[in-house]
Amino acid sequence: MTGQVQAHLDAGERAVQTAYSAFIKHPQLCDPCRKEGADCPEAARLRQAWRDARAAVAA
């Protein structure tokens, strides 16, 4: 792979990891997520952002 292609792939993987990290950390700080045991709207948005990032890397 050329450096440019590898850099593009690395950026995609970083985006996936950043989105996943945000999704995982959110319930630790969110009272409704912790108390109800279900995703609040923000957690649902973060989950979708993570899924979208994974789909973009796979494409």
C-alpha atoms as a PDB file:
ATOM      1  CA  MET A   1       0.000   0.000   0.000  1.00  0.00           C
ATOM      2  CA  THR A   2       1.083   3.507  -0.621  1.00  0.00           C
ATOM      3  CA  GLY A   3       1.474   5.913   2.248  1.00  0.00           C
ATOM      4  CA  GLN A   4      -1.615   7.834   1.200  1.00  0.00           C
ATOM      5  CA  VAL A   5      -3.810   4.719   1.117  1.00  0.00           C
ATOM      6  CA  GLN A   6      -2.482   3.549   4.482  1.00  0.00           C
ATOM      7  CA  ALA A   7      -3.089   6.987   5.981  1.00  0.00           C
ATOM      8  CA  HIS A   8      -6.695   6.875   4.745  1.00  0.00           C
ATOM      9  CA  LEU A   9      -7.221   3.427   6.279  1.00  0.00           C
ATOM     10  CA  ASP A  10      -5.629   4.532   9.550  1.00  0.00           C
ATOM     11  CA  ALA A  11      -7.906   7.589   9.693  1.00  0.00           C
ATOM     12  CA  GLY A  12     -10.936   5.353   9.249  1.00  0.00           C
ATOM     13  CA  GLU A  13      -9.818   3.026  12.027  1.00  0.00           C
ATOM     14  CA  ARG A  14      -9.192   6.002  14.318  1.00  0.00           C
ATOM     15  CA  ALA A  15     -12.705   7.252  13.587  1.00  0.00           C
ATOM     16  CA  VAL A  16     -14.133   3.851  14.512  1.00  0.00           C
ATOM     17  CA  GLN A  17     -12.135   3.723  17.748  1.00  0.00           C
ATOM     18  CA  THR A  18     -13.081   7.284  18.691  1.00  0.00           C
ATOM     19  CA  ALA A  19     -16.772   6.605  18.093  1.00  0.00           C
ATOM     20  CA  TYR A  20     -16.618   3.326  20.026  1.00  0.00           C
ATOM     21  CA  SER A  21     -14.836   4.972  22.928  1.00  0.00           C
ATOM     22  CA  ALA A  22     -17.461   7.718  23.116  1.00  0.00           C
ATOM     23  CA  PHE A  23     -20.258   5.145  23.033  1.00  0.00           C
ATOM     24  CA  ILE A  24     -18.676   3.014  25.773  1.00  0.00           C
ATOM     25  CA  LYS A  25     -17.803   5.943  28.056  1.00  0.00           C
ATOM     26  CA  HIS A  26     -21.209   7.608  27.821  1.00  0.00           C
ATOM     27  CA  PRO A  27     -23.159   5.260  30.149  1.00  0.00           C
ATOM     28  CA  GLN A  28     -20.541   5.741  32.855  1.00  0.00           C
ATOM     29  CA  LEU A  29     -21.432   9.432  32.993  1.00  0.00           C
ATOM     30  CA  CYS A  30     -25.135   9.341  32.155  1.00  0.00           C
ATOM     31  CA  ASP A  31     -27.595   8.857  35.020  1.00  0.00           C
ATOM     32  CA  PRO A  32     -30.528   7.639  32.866  1.00  0.00           C
ATOM     33  CA  CYS A  33     -28.331   5.065  31.130  1.00  0.00           C
ATOM     34  CA  ARG A  34     -27.013   3.761  34.444  1.00  0.00           C
ATOM     35  CA  LYS A  35     -30.301   3.794  36.341  1.00  0.00           C
ATOM     36  CA  GLU A  36     -32.589   2.462  33.612  1.00  0.00           C
ATOM     37  CA  GLY A  37     -30.082   0.133  32.001  1.00  0.00           C
ATOM     38  CA  ALA A  38     -31.175   1.285  28.561  1.00  0.00           C
ATOM     39  CA  ASP A  39     -29.742   3.701  26.032  1.00  0.00           C
ATOM     40  CA  CYS A  40     -30.831   7.306  26.309  1.00  0.00           C
ATOM     41  CA  PRO A  41     -31.202   9.279  23.048  1.00  0.00           C
ATOM     42  CA  GLU A  42     -27.577  10.437  23.254  1.00  0.00           C
ATOM     43  CA  ALA A  43     -26.335   6.873  23.730  1.00  0.00           C
ATOM     44  CA  ALA A  44     -28.442   5.775  20.777  1.00  0.00           C
ATOM     45  CA  ARG A  45     -26.885   8.539  18.672  1.00  0.00           C
ATOM     46  CA  LEU A  46     -23.387   7.503  19.752  1.00  0.00           C
ATOM     47  CA  ARG A  47     -24.136   3.854  18.954  1.00  0.00           C
ATOM     48  CA  GLN A  48     -25.325   4.841  15.474  1.00  0.00           C
ATOM     49  CA  ALA A  49     -22.230   6.992  14.926  1.00  0.00           C
ATOM     50  CA  TRP A  50     -20.064   3.987  15.810  1.00  0.00           C
ATOM     51  CA  ARG A  51     -22.021   1.747  13.419  1.00  0.00           C
ATOM     52  CA  ASP A  52     -21.741   4.349  10.657  1.00  0.00           C
ATOM     53  CA  ALA A  53     -17.970   4.646  11.198  1.00  0.00           C
ATOM     54  CA  ARG A  54     -17.575   0.849  11.007  1.00  0.00           C
ATOM     55  CA  ALA A  55     -19.663   0.723   7.821  1.00  0.00           C
ATOM     56  CA  ALA A  56     -17.558   3.465   6.244  1.00  0.00           C
ATOM     57  CA  VAL A  57     -14.345   1.537   6.946  1.00  0.00           C
ATOM     58  CA  ALA A  58     -15.820  -1.681   5.571  1.00  0.00           C
ATOM     59  CA  ALA A  59     -16.925   0.045   2.342  1.00  0.00           C
END
